[in-house]
Amino acid sequence: MTFVAESISGRPAGYRDVFGVREFRVVFAAHLLSLLGLVTGEIALSVLVYRVTGSPLLSALAFALGFLPYLLGGTLLAGVADRAPARRVLVVCNLLCAASAAVTALPGAPVAVLLAMRGFSALIGPVLAGTRSATLGDVLGEGDLFVLGRSLIRIVTQGAQLAGFAAGGLLLTAVSPRAALLFTVAGFLASALLLRFGTRRRPARAAGRADVIGASLSGARQLLADRRTRALLLLSWAPPFFLVAPESLAAPYADAIGAGTAGVGLLMCGMPVGTIVGEVLAGSLLSPRARERITLPAASVLLLPFLLYVLRPSLGWALATVALAGLGAAYTLGLDQWFVAAVPEELRGRAMTLQTAGAMSVQGAGMALAGAAAEYVPAHWVVAGSGVIGTLVVGSVVRLVVGSR
């Protein structure tokens, strides 16, 4: 195994050192291309479904299908990440996503086909994300460069979502939704080409030719049976479940305070901006040991800013509140280091896939639960309640992590 924690000069590693690794630059660029295409496709598909059906429900379902199949794919297909060469998995997943987007772009494709292709892409999404995360361990080692590499992937994911939604909206003023979906196809194809010719071929991590579903379920059982790994997975999943409350209720809250559609957009941007700033500051200014020291305290308090929603804050204060909560997401840097150290190498791909699938699934569930609660309780009380309940839940998980050492 390779452990890389310092740069060649002996100083602590930084983001510049991560970009100094050529193969990481390829993986990073491939992820950015596929992500921009994906975000543009999400907007285009939602608009397309609404134009074809006139149904807000089906239009929303086009978005929701990006979350719902994640748990299924992450549970049943995770074995692919370890039992096939990583480069092959990454390339094939990108090609399958490109093919799915191409089908949705076909003139006259029925709505059922559009939704099915959206669900299909989400089904293989956790395999793609988990394999990419595991590959970072091969490319960067298992030390601080790995942690910073994972941080950069999260940062670009948040940033690309902000830029992609804006660019996608502008693009749809110039071209039809089906034409915009061709940009999704191009993004995934370019990503596949970069990965195929810009990364090394490495053998599969796990030996044997067991069936994929059996290997996936077996790996999940092994991971969840380990006390330390189980606690760290819970710490990966618990905060995101509650953090999505302000975003999922941005529209009703903006309407309640008279902020209009512009307020909805700003509230949706607050959390990603705070997350990016928190990760950049923690990755740039703190040493590896300091990042580990703040992991549990940051996770324990990151939902407390939501309590300010009790006061039904104005748009500016609400935006500051969600951005402040986003800063606490810097706890994930230390968590990544603990997680990669706790997981056996032959299970790393399945572990990363399960972690990603769980995080996406709990966000979808959190959005649904917050929306259901807001049918009976004002939105600001739902967000505040998420802060209270979430802090108690995350505190319990933190105690599990401490007890697993």
Foldseek 3Di string as FASTA:
>chain_A
DDADQPDPVRHGDFLVRLVVQQLLVLLLLLLLLLLLLVLLLLVLLLVVLCVVPVDNVLSVLLVLLLQVLLLVLLQQQLLVLQQFWLLVLLLVLLQLLLVLLLLLLDPPRDSVSSSVSSNVNSSCVLLNQLSSLLVLCVRPNLYLSSLLSVLSSLLSSLVSNLVSNVVSVVVCVPDHSSVSSNSSSVSSNVSSVSSVPPDDTDGRLDDDDDDSRVSSNVLVCVQCVQLQSVLLLCLLALVLLLLCLQLLCQVLLCVVQVVPPVLNSLSNSLLSQLQNVLQNCCRHPHRLVVLLVCLLVLSLQLLVLLLCLVVSDHSVSSSVSSSSSSSSVSSVSNSSSSNVVVDDSSSSSSSSSNSVSSNSNSNSVSSVVSVVVCVPDPSSVSSSVSSVVSSVVSVVSSVSNVVSD
